[in-house]
């Protein structure tokens, strides 16, 4: 029971999980309920991932170009290794008429930024919801553990009922621990998305024709 209290107490506060502290872009978090070691940065800016010239306004219409739209979907997919995606960018640029290269690559960058930034925001929102459920579960487990302790202290407690509740608490605690571990992994996803966006953006910049 002592170990159970340690687990619940340690995980229930802010759920400060052991995850990789290597965040590509970080800023001080003003959200005390944020459960990850990585600082919460709700939204990225273009300047954090793009070192090239200013992106023209026309690039915002990237999804009106079917070729760009399809390529953005392929490049953004995390199942597509970053090195393969970077090669696709280089090949795409090499196949364009020279007078179209930069305009198309601006659109490609804008499409990737919009897509991956939106995906990252969705992941962050999901992490917050998940952490909220964990805090509620931790409170329930603490309450259940306290009630079981009270039952132990009573001489007239039904031993079978005590065993039943004790076993249920152990099972629910195991589920809680598994969810904590899952959240540890999920906390790394925003950083993975950031790194992907930065790597692809760098390749796009390198593939542009210098003027």
N, C-alpha and C. Protein backbone atom coordinates (compact mmCIF):
# COMPACT_ATOMS: atom_id res chain seq x y z
N UNK A 1 0.82 -1.20 0.00
CA UNK A 1 0.00 0.00 0.00
C UNK A 1 0.87 1.26 0.00
N UNK A 2 2.04 1.19 0.67
CA UNK A 2 2.94 2.34 0.67
C UNK A 2 3.39 2.68 -0.74
N UNK A 3 3.76 1.64 -1.52
CA UNK A 3 4.18 1.88 -2.91
C UNK A 3 3.06 2.49 -3.71
N UNK A 4 1.83 2.05 -3.45
CA UNK A 4 0.67 2.57 -4.16
C UNK A 4 0.52 4.06 -3.92
N UNK A 5 0.69 4.49 -2.65
CA UNK A 5 0.54 5.91 -2.34
C UNK A 5 1.63 6.73 -3.03
N UNK A 6 2.85 6.17 -3.09
CA UNK A 6 3.96 6.87 -3.76
C UNK A 6 3.65 7.06 -5.24
N UNK A 7 3.15 6.00 -5.88
CA UNK A 7 2.83 6.07 -7.31
C UNK A 7 1.77 7.13 -7.57
N UNK A 8 0.69 7.06 -6.78
CA UNK A 8 -0.43 7.97 -7.00
C UNK A 8 -0.01 9.40 -6.70
N UNK A 9 0.69 9.59 -5.60
CA UNK A 9 1.09 10.94 -5.24
C UNK A 9 2.04 11.55 -6.24
N UNK A 10 3.00 10.77 -6.71
CA UNK A 10 4.00 11.28 -7.64
C UNK A 10 3.39 11.59 -8.99
N UNK A 11 2.37 10.85 -9.38
CA UNK A 11 1.82 11.00 -10.72
C UNK A 11 0.64 11.95 -10.77
N UNK A 12 0.08 12.28 -9.64
CA UNK A 12 -1.16 13.04 -9.64
C UNK A 12 -0.96 14.54 -9.67
N UNK A 13 0.16 15.03 -9.16
CA UNK A 13 0.34 16.46 -9.07
C UNK A 13 0.23 17.15 -10.40
N UNK A 14 1.33 17.31 -11.08
CA UNK A 14 1.33 17.86 -12.44
C UNK A 14 1.69 16.79 -13.45
N UNK A 15 1.79 15.56 -13.01
CA UNK A 15 2.18 14.47 -13.90
C UNK A 15 3.48 14.82 -14.62
N UNK A 16 4.50 15.16 -13.84
CA UNK A 16 5.79 15.52 -14.43
C UNK A 16 6.48 14.24 -14.86
N UNK A 17 6.30 13.91 -16.09
CA UNK A 17 6.74 12.62 -16.58
C UNK A 17 8.18 12.69 -17.09
N UNK A 18 8.82 11.51 -17.08
CA UNK A 18 10.20 11.43 -17.56
C UNK A 18 10.17 11.29 -19.07
N UNK A 19 10.39 12.39 -19.76
CA UNK A 19 10.41 12.39 -21.22
C UNK A 19 11.65 13.15 -21.65
N UNK A 20 11.96 13.04 -22.94
CA UNK A 20 13.16 13.71 -23.43
C UNK A 20 13.06 15.21 -23.25
N UNK A 21 14.05 15.85 -22.60
CA UNK A 21 14.01 17.29 -22.39
C UNK A 21 14.50 18.07 -23.59
N UNK A 22 14.89 17.40 -24.64
CA UNK A 22 15.47 18.07 -25.80
C UNK A 22 14.36 18.60 -26.69
N UNK A 23 13.86 19.79 -26.38
CA UNK A 23 12.80 20.39 -27.16
C UNK A 23 13.40 21.35 -28.17
N UNK A 24 13.00 21.21 -29.41
CA UNK A 24 13.57 22.04 -30.45
C UNK A 24 13.23 23.51 -30.24
N UNK A 25 11.96 23.80 -29.97
CA UNK A 25 11.53 25.16 -29.74
C UNK A 25 10.79 25.18 -28.41
N UNK A 26 11.25 25.92 -27.45
CA UNK A 26 10.60 25.92 -26.15
C UNK A 26 10.46 27.34 -25.62
N UNK A 27 9.44 27.51 -24.80
CA UNK A 27 9.21 28.79 -24.14
C UNK A 27 8.58 28.47 -22.81
N UNK A 28 8.69 29.41 -21.88
CA UNK A 28 8.15 29.16 -20.55
C UNK A 28 6.66 28.87 -20.63
N UNK A 29 6.22 27.83 -19.95
CA UNK A 29 4.81 27.45 -19.97
C UNK A 29 4.07 28.16 -18.86
N UNK A 30 2.92 28.75 -19.21
CA UNK A 30 2.08 29.41 -18.22
C UNK A 30 0.93 28.50 -17.81
N UNK A 31 0.97 27.26 -18.21
CA UNK A 31 -0.10 26.31 -17.91
C UNK A 31 0.39 25.33 -16.84
N UNK A 32 -0.02 25.52 -15.58
CA UNK A 32 0.47 24.64 -14.51
C UNK A 32 -0.05 23.22 -14.62
N UNK A 33 -1.05 22.98 -15.46
CA UNK A 33 -1.59 21.63 -15.61
C UNK A 33 -0.90 20.85 -16.71
N UNK A 34 0.03 21.50 -17.42
CA UNK A 34 0.74 20.82 -18.52
C UNK A 34 1.58 19.69 -17.95
N UNK A 35 1.43 18.45 -18.44
CA UNK A 35 2.05 17.30 -17.78
C UNK A 35 3.43 16.90 -18.28
N UNK A 36 3.93 17.55 -19.32
CA UNK A 36 5.15 17.07 -19.96
C UNK A 36 6.39 17.81 -19.46
N UNK A 37 7.53 17.11 -19.50
CA UNK A 37 8.82 17.75 -19.23
C UNK A 37 9.06 18.85 -20.28
N UNK A 38 8.74 18.54 -21.53
CA UNK A 38 8.88 19.53 -22.59
C UNK A 38 7.95 20.70 -22.33
N UNK A 39 8.46 21.90 -22.46
CA UNK A 39 7.64 23.08 -22.20
C UNK A 39 6.54 23.21 -23.24
N UNK A 40 5.43 23.76 -22.81
CA UNK A 40 4.27 23.87 -23.70
C UNK A 40 4.40 25.12 -24.57
N UNK A 41 4.47 24.90 -25.87
CA UNK A 41 4.45 25.98 -26.86
C UNK A 41 3.26 25.68 -27.76
N UNK A 42 2.10 26.30 -27.49
CA UNK A 42 0.87 25.91 -28.18
C UNK A 42 0.93 26.02 -29.70
N UNK A 43 1.68 27.00 -30.21
CA UNK A 43 1.68 27.23 -31.65
C UNK A 43 3.06 27.69 -32.09
N UNK A 44 3.50 27.21 -33.25
CA UNK A 44 4.78 27.63 -33.80
C UNK A 44 4.61 28.85 -34.69
N UNK A 45 5.69 29.57 -34.90
CA UNK A 45 5.69 30.69 -35.85
C UNK A 45 6.61 30.32 -37.01
N UNK A 46 6.37 30.97 -38.14
CA UNK A 46 7.18 30.70 -39.34
C UNK A 46 8.66 30.95 -39.05
N UNK A 47 8.95 32.00 -38.29
CA UNK A 47 10.33 32.36 -38.01
C UNK A 47 11.11 31.30 -37.25
N UNK A 48 10.40 30.39 -36.58
CA UNK A 48 11.08 29.35 -35.82
C UNK A 48 11.61 28.23 -36.71
N UNK A 49 11.07 28.12 -37.92
CA UNK A 49 11.47 27.00 -38.79
C UNK A 49 11.94 27.44 -40.16
N UNK A 50 11.89 28.73 -40.44
CA UNK A 50 12.22 29.19 -41.80
C UNK A 50 13.27 30.29 -41.73
N UNK A 51 14.39 30.08 -42.43
CA UNK A 51 15.48 31.05 -42.45
C UNK A 51 15.61 31.77 -43.78
N UNK A 52 14.69 31.50 -44.70
CA UNK A 52 14.78 32.07 -46.03
C UNK A 52 14.07 33.40 -46.15
N UNK A 53 13.85 33.85 -47.39
CA UNK A 53 13.16 35.12 -47.63
C UNK A 53 11.72 35.08 -47.10
N UNK A 54 11.12 36.24 -47.01
CA UNK A 54 9.73 36.31 -46.56
C UNK A 54 8.84 35.49 -47.49
N UNK A 55 7.90 34.77 -46.90
CA UNK A 55 6.98 33.95 -47.68
C UNK A 55 5.92 34.85 -48.32
N UNK A 56 5.78 34.80 -49.63
CA UNK A 56 4.78 35.66 -50.29
C UNK A 56 3.35 35.27 -49.93
N UNK A 57 2.47 36.24 -49.99
CA UNK A 57 1.06 36.02 -49.65
C UNK A 57 0.43 34.94 -50.51
N UNK A 58 0.85 34.87 -51.77
CA UNK A 58 0.28 33.90 -52.70
C UNK A 58 0.51 32.46 -52.25
N UNK A 59 1.52 32.23 -51.45
CA UNK A 59 1.83 30.86 -51.01
C UNK A 59 0.73 30.28 -50.14
N UNK A 60 -0.11 31.16 -49.56
CA UNK A 60 -1.20 30.69 -48.70
C UNK A 60 -2.25 29.90 -49.48
N UNK A 61 -2.23 30.02 -50.79
CA UNK A 61 -3.17 29.28 -51.64
C UNK A 61 -2.59 27.94 -52.10
N UNK A 62 -1.67 27.40 -51.34
CA UNK A 62 -0.97 26.18 -51.72
C UNK A 62 -1.90 25.01 -52.01
N UNK A 63 -3.01 24.92 -51.26
CA UNK A 63 -3.90 23.76 -51.46
C UNK A 63 -4.76 23.87 -52.70
N UNK A 64 -4.65 24.99 -53.43
CA UNK A 64 -5.35 25.11 -54.71
C UNK A 64 -4.57 24.44 -55.82
N UNK A 65 -3.33 24.10 -55.55
CA UNK A 65 -2.48 23.41 -56.52
C UNK A 65 -2.50 21.92 -56.16
N UNK A 66 -3.14 21.07 -56.98
CA UNK A 66 -3.27 19.64 -56.65
C UNK A 66 -1.93 18.94 -56.42
N UNK A 67 -0.92 19.32 -57.20
CA UNK A 67 0.39 18.68 -57.05
C UNK A 67 1.00 19.02 -55.69
N UNK A 68 0.94 20.30 -55.33
CA UNK A 68 1.47 20.73 -54.05
C UNK A 68 0.67 20.09 -52.91
N UNK A 69 -0.63 20.09 -53.06
CA UNK A 69 -1.50 19.53 -52.03
C UNK A 69 -1.17 18.06 -51.76
N UNK A 70 -1.00 17.30 -52.82
CA UNK A 70 -0.67 15.87 -52.68
C UNK A 70 0.71 15.69 -52.05
N UNK A 71 1.67 16.50 -52.49
CA UNK A 71 3.04 16.37 -51.99
C UNK A 71 3.11 16.74 -50.51
N UNK A 72 2.38 17.76 -50.12
CA UNK A 72 2.35 18.14 -48.70
C UNK A 72 1.87 16.97 -47.85
N UNK A 73 0.82 16.30 -48.32
CA UNK A 73 0.30 15.15 -47.58
C UNK A 73 1.34 14.05 -47.44
N UNK A 74 2.10 13.79 -48.50
CA UNK A 74 3.13 12.75 -48.45
C UNK A 74 4.27 13.14 -47.52
N UNK A 75 4.70 14.38 -47.61
CA UNK A 75 5.85 14.83 -46.83
C UNK A 75 5.52 14.97 -45.35
N UNK A 76 4.30 15.32 -45.05
CA UNK A 76 3.91 15.55 -43.65
C UNK A 76 3.71 14.26 -42.89
N UNK A 77 3.41 13.17 -43.59
CA UNK A 77 3.12 11.90 -42.93
C UNK A 77 4.34 11.37 -42.19
N UNK A 78 4.20 11.12 -40.88
CA UNK A 78 5.34 10.66 -40.09
C UNK A 78 5.79 9.25 -40.45
N UNK A 79 4.94 8.51 -41.14
CA UNK A 79 5.36 7.17 -41.59
C UNK A 79 6.39 7.27 -42.71
N UNK A 80 6.49 8.43 -43.33
CA UNK A 80 7.45 8.68 -44.39
C UNK A 80 8.75 9.18 -43.74
N UNK A 81 9.84 8.41 -43.76
CA UNK A 81 11.08 8.84 -43.11
C UNK A 81 11.53 10.21 -43.59
N UNK A 82 12.09 10.99 -42.70
CA UNK A 82 12.48 12.36 -43.04
C UNK A 82 13.47 12.40 -44.19
N UNK A 83 14.44 11.48 -44.21
CA UNK A 83 15.43 11.50 -45.29
C UNK A 83 14.79 11.21 -46.65
N UNK A 84 13.78 10.34 -46.65
CA UNK A 84 13.05 10.05 -47.90
C UNK A 84 12.26 11.28 -48.32
N UNK A 85 11.61 11.93 -47.37
CA UNK A 85 10.83 13.13 -47.67
C UNK A 85 11.74 14.24 -48.21
N UNK A 86 12.91 14.38 -47.63
CA UNK A 86 13.85 15.40 -48.12
C UNK A 86 14.29 15.11 -49.55
N UNK A 87 14.49 13.85 -49.86
CA UNK A 87 14.85 13.47 -51.23
C UNK A 87 13.71 13.80 -52.19
N UNK A 88 12.47 13.61 -51.75
CA UNK A 88 11.31 13.93 -52.58
C UNK A 88 11.26 15.43 -52.88
N UNK A 89 11.62 16.24 -51.89
CA UNK A 89 11.64 17.70 -52.10
C UNK A 89 12.67 18.08 -53.16
N UNK A 90 13.87 17.50 -53.04
CA UNK A 90 14.94 17.81 -54.00
C UNK A 90 14.53 17.39 -55.40
N UNK A 91 13.94 16.22 -55.52
CA UNK A 91 13.51 15.73 -56.84
C UNK A 91 12.38 16.58 -57.41
N UNK A 92 11.49 17.01 -56.55
CA UNK A 92 10.39 17.87 -57.00
C UNK A 92 10.93 19.18 -57.55
N UNK A 93 11.85 19.80 -56.81
CA UNK A 93 12.43 21.07 -57.25
C UNK A 93 13.19 20.92 -58.56
N UNK A 94 13.91 19.80 -58.69
CA UNK A 94 14.71 19.58 -59.89
C UNK A 94 13.84 19.39 -61.12
N UNK A 95 12.61 18.96 -60.95
CA UNK A 95 11.72 18.71 -62.09
C UNK A 95 10.90 19.91 -62.50
N UNK A 96 11.07 21.04 -61.83
CA UNK A 96 10.29 22.25 -62.14
C UNK A 96 11.04 23.15 -63.12
N UNK A 97 10.32 23.88 -63.96
CA UNK A 97 10.97 24.94 -64.75
C UNK A 97 11.60 25.95 -63.80
N UNK A 98 12.74 26.48 -64.17
CA UNK A 98 13.48 27.34 -63.26
C UNK A 98 12.68 28.56 -62.80
N UNK A 99 11.80 29.06 -63.69
CA UNK A 99 11.05 30.25 -63.32
C UNK A 99 9.90 29.94 -62.35
N UNK A 100 9.68 28.65 -62.07
CA UNK A 100 8.61 28.27 -61.14
C UNK A 100 9.14 27.71 -59.81
N UNK A 101 10.42 27.43 -59.76
CA UNK A 101 10.97 26.72 -58.60
C UNK A 101 10.65 27.42 -57.28
N UNK A 102 11.02 28.68 -57.17
CA UNK A 102 10.86 29.36 -55.89
C UNK A 102 9.40 29.51 -55.49
N UNK A 103 8.55 29.89 -56.45
CA UNK A 103 7.13 30.06 -56.12
C UNK A 103 6.51 28.75 -55.63
N UNK A 104 6.85 27.66 -56.30
CA UNK A 104 6.31 26.36 -55.90
C UNK A 104 6.85 25.92 -54.54
N UNK A 105 8.12 26.22 -54.30
CA UNK A 105 8.70 25.82 -53.03
C UNK A 105 8.17 26.67 -51.87
N UNK A 106 7.88 27.93 -52.15
CA UNK A 106 7.22 28.75 -51.13
C UNK A 106 5.88 28.13 -50.75
N UNK A 107 5.14 27.71 -51.75
CA UNK A 107 3.84 27.08 -51.50
C UNK A 107 4.01 25.76 -50.73
N UNK A 108 5.04 25.01 -51.10
CA UNK A 108 5.28 23.74 -50.43
C UNK A 108 5.60 23.98 -48.95
N UNK A 109 6.44 24.96 -48.69
CA UNK A 109 6.74 25.27 -47.29
C UNK A 109 5.49 25.67 -46.53
N UNK A 110 4.71 26.58 -47.12
CA UNK A 110 3.52 27.06 -46.42
C UNK A 110 2.56 25.91 -46.14
N UNK A 111 2.44 25.00 -47.10
CA UNK A 111 1.57 23.85 -46.91
C UNK A 111 2.04 22.95 -45.78
N UNK A 112 3.34 22.71 -45.73
CA UNK A 112 3.90 21.88 -44.65
C UNK A 112 3.76 22.58 -43.30
N UNK A 113 4.00 23.87 -43.29
CA UNK A 113 3.88 24.61 -42.03
C UNK A 113 2.44 24.56 -41.52
N UNK A 114 1.48 24.84 -42.39
CA UNK A 114 0.08 24.83 -41.98
C UNK A 114 -0.34 23.44 -41.50
N UNK A 115 0.06 22.43 -42.24
CA UNK A 115 -0.36 21.05 -41.93
C UNK A 115 0.26 20.53 -40.65
N UNK A 116 1.58 20.67 -40.52
CA UNK A 116 2.26 20.13 -39.34
C UNK A 116 2.00 20.96 -38.09
N UNK A 117 1.84 22.25 -38.25
CA UNK A 117 1.52 23.09 -37.10
C UNK A 117 0.13 22.74 -36.56
N UNK A 118 -0.81 22.51 -37.47
CA UNK A 118 -2.17 22.11 -37.06
C UNK A 118 -2.15 20.74 -36.39
N UNK A 119 -1.39 19.82 -36.96
CA UNK A 119 -1.28 18.48 -36.35
C UNK A 119 -0.68 18.58 -34.95
N UNK A 120 0.32 19.39 -34.80
CA UNK A 120 0.97 19.58 -33.50
C UNK A 120 0.00 20.17 -32.49
N UNK A 121 -0.78 21.16 -32.89
CA UNK A 121 -1.77 21.75 -32.00
C UNK A 121 -2.78 20.71 -31.53
N UNK A 122 -3.19 19.83 -32.44
CA UNK A 122 -4.15 18.77 -32.08
C UNK A 122 -3.54 17.81 -31.06
N UNK A 123 -2.26 17.48 -31.25
CA UNK A 123 -1.59 16.58 -30.30
C UNK A 123 -1.52 17.23 -28.92
N UNK A 124 -1.15 18.51 -28.87
CA UNK A 124 -1.05 19.22 -27.60
C UNK A 124 -2.40 19.28 -26.89
N UNK A 125 -3.45 19.53 -27.66
CA UNK A 125 -4.80 19.55 -27.08
C UNK A 125 -5.16 18.17 -26.52
N UNK A 126 -4.80 17.12 -27.25
CA UNK A 126 -5.08 15.76 -26.79
C UNK A 126 -4.30 15.41 -25.52
N UNK A 127 -3.06 15.88 -25.44
CA UNK A 127 -2.25 15.64 -24.23
C UNK A 127 -2.91 16.29 -23.02
N UNK A 128 -3.40 17.50 -23.19
CA UNK A 128 -4.04 18.21 -22.08
C UNK A 128 -5.29 17.47 -21.60
N UNK A 129 -6.09 16.98 -22.55
CA UNK A 129 -7.30 16.24 -22.17
C UNK A 129 -6.93 14.94 -21.44
N UNK A 130 -5.93 14.26 -21.97
CA UNK A 130 -5.48 13.00 -21.38
C UNK A 130 -4.98 13.22 -19.95
N UNK A 131 -4.20 14.27 -19.77
CA UNK A 131 -3.66 14.57 -18.44
C UNK A 131 -4.77 14.89 -17.46
N UNK A 132 -5.81 15.58 -17.93
CA UNK A 132 -6.94 15.88 -17.06
C UNK A 132 -7.62 14.61 -16.56
N UNK A 133 -7.78 13.65 -17.45
CA UNK A 133 -8.37 12.37 -17.06
C UNK A 133 -7.47 11.64 -16.06
N UNK A 134 -6.16 11.76 -16.25
CA UNK A 134 -5.23 11.13 -15.32
C UNK A 134 -5.33 11.75 -13.92
N UNK A 135 -5.47 13.06 -13.85
CA UNK A 135 -5.61 13.70 -12.54
C UNK A 135 -6.88 13.24 -11.84
N UNK A 136 -7.96 13.11 -12.63
CA UNK A 136 -9.22 12.62 -12.05
C UNK A 136 -9.06 11.19 -11.55
N UNK A 137 -8.38 10.36 -12.34
CA UNK A 137 -8.17 8.97 -11.96
C UNK A 137 -7.30 8.87 -10.71
N UNK A 138 -6.27 9.72 -10.63
CA UNK A 138 -5.39 9.72 -9.47
C UNK A 138 -6.18 10.08 -8.21
N UNK A 139 -7.08 11.05 -8.32
CA UNK A 139 -7.90 11.44 -7.17
C UNK A 139 -8.79 10.28 -6.73
N UNK A 140 -9.34 9.56 -7.71
CA UNK A 140 -10.18 8.40 -7.38
C UNK A 140 -9.37 7.32 -6.68
N UNK A 141 -8.15 7.11 -7.15
CA UNK A 141 -7.30 6.07 -6.54
C UNK A 141 -6.91 6.45 -5.12
N UNK A 142 -6.60 7.72 -4.89
CA UNK A 142 -6.27 8.15 -3.53
C UNK A 142 -7.44 7.95 -2.59
N UNK A 143 -8.63 8.27 -3.08
CA UNK A 143 -9.84 8.10 -2.26
C UNK A 143 -10.06 6.62 -1.94
N UNK A 144 -9.90 5.78 -2.95
CA UNK A 144 -10.11 4.34 -2.77
C UNK A 144 -9.08 3.78 -1.80
N UNK A 145 -7.82 4.21 -1.93
CA UNK A 145 -6.77 3.73 -1.03
C UNK A 145 -7.06 4.15 0.41
N UNK A 146 -7.56 5.36 0.61
CA UNK A 146 -7.90 5.84 1.94
C UNK A 146 -9.03 5.02 2.56
N UNK A 147 -10.02 4.69 1.72
CA UNK A 147 -11.15 3.90 2.22
C UNK A 147 -10.71 2.49 2.59
N UNK A 148 -9.81 1.92 1.83
CA UNK A 148 -9.30 0.58 2.14
C UNK A 148 -8.50 0.60 3.44
N UNK A 149 -7.69 1.66 3.63
CA UNK A 149 -6.95 1.79 4.90
C UNK A 149 -7.91 1.85 6.08
N UNK A 150 -9.01 2.58 5.88
CA UNK A 150 -10.00 2.69 6.97
C UNK A 150 -10.64 1.33 7.25
N UNK A 151 -10.88 0.56 6.19
CA UNK A 151 -11.46 -0.77 6.37
C UNK A 151 -10.51 -1.67 7.15
N UNK A 152 -9.21 -1.57 6.86
CA UNK A 152 -8.23 -2.40 7.55
C UNK A 152 -8.21 -2.11 9.05
N UNK A 153 -8.46 -0.85 9.37
CA UNK A 153 -8.37 -0.44 10.77
C UNK A 153 -9.58 -0.91 11.59
N UNK A 154 -10.65 -1.34 10.92
CA UNK A 154 -11.85 -1.77 11.63
C UNK A 154 -11.79 -3.27 11.90
N UNK A 155 -12.01 -3.68 13.13
CA UNK A 155 -11.94 -5.11 13.46
C UNK A 155 -13.07 -5.94 12.85
N UNK A 156 -14.20 -5.29 12.53
CA UNK A 156 -15.35 -6.04 12.01
C UNK A 156 -15.43 -6.03 10.49
N UNK A 157 -14.35 -5.60 9.81
CA UNK A 157 -14.35 -5.57 8.35
C UNK A 157 -14.43 -6.98 7.77
N UNK A 158 -15.25 -7.13 6.75
CA UNK A 158 -15.38 -8.41 6.05
C UNK A 158 -14.07 -8.66 5.26
N UNK A 159 -13.33 -9.70 5.59
CA UNK A 159 -12.04 -9.96 4.91
C UNK A 159 -12.20 -10.15 3.40
N UNK A 160 -13.29 -10.79 2.99
CA UNK A 160 -13.50 -11.02 1.56
C UNK A 160 -13.74 -9.71 0.82
N UNK A 161 -14.52 -8.82 1.44
CA UNK A 161 -14.77 -7.52 0.83
C UNK A 161 -13.47 -6.70 0.77
N UNK A 162 -12.67 -6.79 1.82
CA UNK A 162 -11.39 -6.07 1.83
C UNK A 162 -10.48 -6.58 0.72
N UNK A 163 -10.40 -7.90 0.58
CA UNK A 163 -9.55 -8.48 -0.48
C UNK A 163 -10.05 -8.07 -1.86
N UNK A 164 -11.37 -8.07 -2.01
CA UNK A 164 -11.95 -7.72 -3.32
C UNK A 164 -11.60 -6.28 -3.71
N UNK A 165 -11.76 -5.36 -2.77
CA UNK A 165 -11.47 -3.96 -3.06
C UNK A 165 -9.97 -3.73 -3.23
N UNK A 166 -9.18 -4.46 -2.47
CA UNK A 166 -7.72 -4.34 -2.59
C UNK A 166 -7.25 -4.79 -3.97
N UNK A 167 -7.80 -5.90 -4.45
CA UNK A 167 -7.44 -6.40 -5.77
C UNK A 167 -7.88 -5.44 -6.86
N UNK A 168 -9.06 -4.88 -6.69
CA UNK A 168 -9.56 -3.92 -7.68
C UNK A 168 -8.67 -2.68 -7.72
N UNK A 169 -8.24 -2.22 -6.55
CA UNK A 169 -7.36 -1.06 -6.49
C UNK A 169 -6.02 -1.34 -7.17
N UNK A 170 -5.49 -2.53 -6.95
CA UNK A 170 -4.23 -2.90 -7.60
C UNK A 170 -4.38 -2.90 -9.12
N UNK A 171 -5.50 -3.43 -9.60
CA UNK A 171 -5.75 -3.47 -11.05
C UNK A 171 -5.89 -2.06 -11.63
N UNK A 172 -6.65 -1.21 -10.93
CA UNK A 172 -6.85 0.16 -11.41
C UNK A 172 -5.54 0.95 -11.36
N UNK A 173 -4.70 0.64 -10.37
CA UNK A 173 -3.40 1.31 -10.28
C UNK A 173 -2.49 0.89 -11.44
N UNK A 174 -2.58 -0.38 -11.81
CA UNK A 174 -1.79 -0.86 -12.94
C UNK A 174 -2.20 -0.14 -14.22
N UNK A 175 -3.51 0.03 -14.41
CA UNK A 175 -3.99 0.76 -15.59
C UNK A 175 -3.49 2.20 -15.55
N UNK A 176 -3.53 2.80 -14.37
CA UNK A 176 -3.06 4.18 -14.20
C UNK A 176 -1.59 4.29 -14.59
N UNK A 177 -0.77 3.37 -14.13
CA UNK A 177 0.65 3.39 -14.44
C UNK A 177 0.89 3.24 -15.95
N UNK A 178 0.12 2.37 -16.59
CA UNK A 178 0.26 2.19 -18.04
C UNK A 178 -0.10 3.45 -18.79
N UNK A 179 -1.12 4.15 -18.31
CA UNK A 179 -1.52 5.42 -18.94
C UNK A 179 -0.46 6.49 -18.74
N UNK A 180 0.18 6.48 -17.55
CA UNK A 180 1.29 7.42 -17.31
C UNK A 180 2.42 7.17 -18.31
N UNK A 181 2.74 5.90 -18.52
CA UNK A 181 3.81 5.55 -19.46
C UNK A 181 3.45 5.96 -20.88
N UNK A 182 2.19 5.76 -21.25
CA UNK A 182 1.74 6.15 -22.58
C UNK A 182 1.87 7.65 -22.77
N UNK A 183 1.51 8.42 -21.74
CA UNK A 183 1.60 9.86 -21.83
C UNK A 183 3.06 10.32 -21.96
N UNK A 184 3.96 9.58 -21.34
CA UNK A 184 5.38 9.89 -21.47
C UNK A 184 5.80 9.88 -22.94
N UNK A 185 5.37 8.86 -23.66
CA UNK A 185 5.71 8.75 -25.08
C UNK A 185 5.02 9.83 -25.91
N UNK A 186 3.75 10.07 -25.62
CA UNK A 186 2.98 11.06 -26.39
C UNK A 186 3.57 12.45 -26.21
N UNK A 187 4.13 12.73 -25.04
CA UNK A 187 4.73 14.04 -24.79
C UNK A 187 5.86 14.36 -25.77
N UNK A 188 6.44 13.34 -26.35
CA UNK A 188 7.55 13.55 -27.28
C UNK A 188 7.07 13.92 -28.69
N UNK A 189 5.79 13.67 -28.97
CA UNK A 189 5.29 13.84 -30.34
C UNK A 189 5.39 15.29 -30.83
N UNK A 190 4.99 16.32 -30.05
CA UNK A 190 5.15 17.68 -30.56
C UNK A 190 6.57 18.01 -30.98
N UNK A 191 7.56 17.54 -30.21
CA UNK A 191 8.96 17.78 -30.56
C UNK A 191 9.33 17.06 -31.85
N UNK A 192 8.83 15.84 -32.02
CA UNK A 192 9.09 15.08 -33.26
C UNK A 192 8.54 15.83 -34.46
N UNK A 193 7.34 16.39 -34.31
CA UNK A 193 6.73 17.15 -35.40
C UNK A 193 7.55 18.40 -35.70
N UNK A 194 7.98 19.11 -34.66
CA UNK A 194 8.80 20.31 -34.83
C UNK A 194 10.08 19.98 -35.60
N UNK A 195 10.73 18.92 -35.19
CA UNK A 195 11.99 18.54 -35.83
C UNK A 195 11.78 18.16 -37.29
N UNK A 196 10.67 17.50 -37.56
CA UNK A 196 10.36 17.13 -38.95
C UNK A 196 10.15 18.39 -39.78
N UNK A 197 9.35 19.31 -39.27
CA UNK A 197 9.07 20.55 -39.99
C UNK A 197 10.34 21.34 -40.23
N UNK A 198 11.20 21.41 -39.23
CA UNK A 198 12.45 22.15 -39.39
C UNK A 198 13.34 21.50 -40.45
N UNK A 199 13.46 20.17 -40.40
CA UNK A 199 14.31 19.47 -41.36
C UNK A 199 13.82 19.63 -42.79
N UNK A 200 12.51 19.53 -43.00
CA UNK A 200 11.96 19.67 -44.34
C UNK A 200 12.05 21.11 -44.83
N UNK A 201 11.84 22.05 -43.91
CA UNK A 201 11.94 23.47 -44.28
C UNK A 201 13.36 23.82 -44.71
N UNK A 202 14.33 23.25 -44.03
CA UNK A 202 15.74 23.50 -44.38
C UNK A 202 16.03 22.98 -45.79
N UNK A 203 15.52 21.80 -46.12
CA UNK A 203 15.74 21.24 -47.46
C UNK A 203 15.06 22.09 -48.52
N UNK A 204 13.87 22.60 -48.21
CA UNK A 204 13.17 23.48 -49.17
C UNK A 204 14.01 24.73 -49.41
N UNK A 205 14.53 25.34 -48.36
CA UNK A 205 15.35 26.53 -48.51
C UNK A 205 16.60 26.27 -49.34
N UNK A 206 17.21 25.11 -49.12
CA UNK A 206 18.43 24.76 -49.87
C UNK A 206 18.15 24.47 -51.33
N UNK A 207 16.90 24.11 -51.64
CA UNK A 207 16.54 23.75 -53.02
C UNK A 207 16.09 24.95 -53.85
N UNK A 208 15.96 26.11 -53.20
CA UNK A 208 15.52 27.28 -53.92
C UNK A 208 16.65 27.87 -54.76
N UNK A 209 16.30 28.58 -55.82
CA UNK A 209 17.27 29.24 -56.68
C UNK A 209 17.64 30.59 -56.05
N UNK A 210 18.91 30.79 -55.79
CA UNK A 210 19.35 32.02 -55.17
C UNK A 210 19.24 33.18 -56.15
N UNK A 211 18.73 34.27 -55.67
CA UNK A 211 18.52 35.43 -56.54
C UNK A 211 19.33 36.62 -56.05
